[in-house]
Amino acid sequence: KEGVAEGAAAEGAAEEEAPPVAFEDFKKAREEKSKAEKEARERAEEEARAAARHARMLQNQASEVVDGEEELEGLVRGYKKRADGSTTSYFDREVDASTRAMLDRLKAPKRIDAPPADAAAGGGGG
């Protein structure tokens, strides 16, 4: 136990007796330390990016090949089946008979009636 206490006291005395560090040396040591930390951080970020890239590559390689309509049901997005069984884009508008009749009525030419004579004669003066 005495040897341990003497060793600790000797280390403490050595730290106290250390010569003061010049500002240039301190600045240089601090810059080297920050540079090493920055390089380590950049290495870790690059490794994380490489791991993510590798995971995406493995995921793309693992995609399944689908054979047949039954397997395709849950995987296809953006497409829908029509009443006749054909597949079309989701945004394709299929118009039913009642909607078609309404649209035809709206597209039909309409008669434009002349305004009443009283409104035409009274609108110009003041």
Foldseek 3Di string as FASTA:
>chain_A
DVVVVVVVVVVVVVVVPDDDDDPVVVVVVVVVVVVVVVVVVVVVVVVVVVVVVVVVVVVVVPDDDDDDDVVCVVPDPQWDADPVGDIDGPPDDDDDDVRVVVVVVVPDDDDDDDDDPVCVVPVPDD
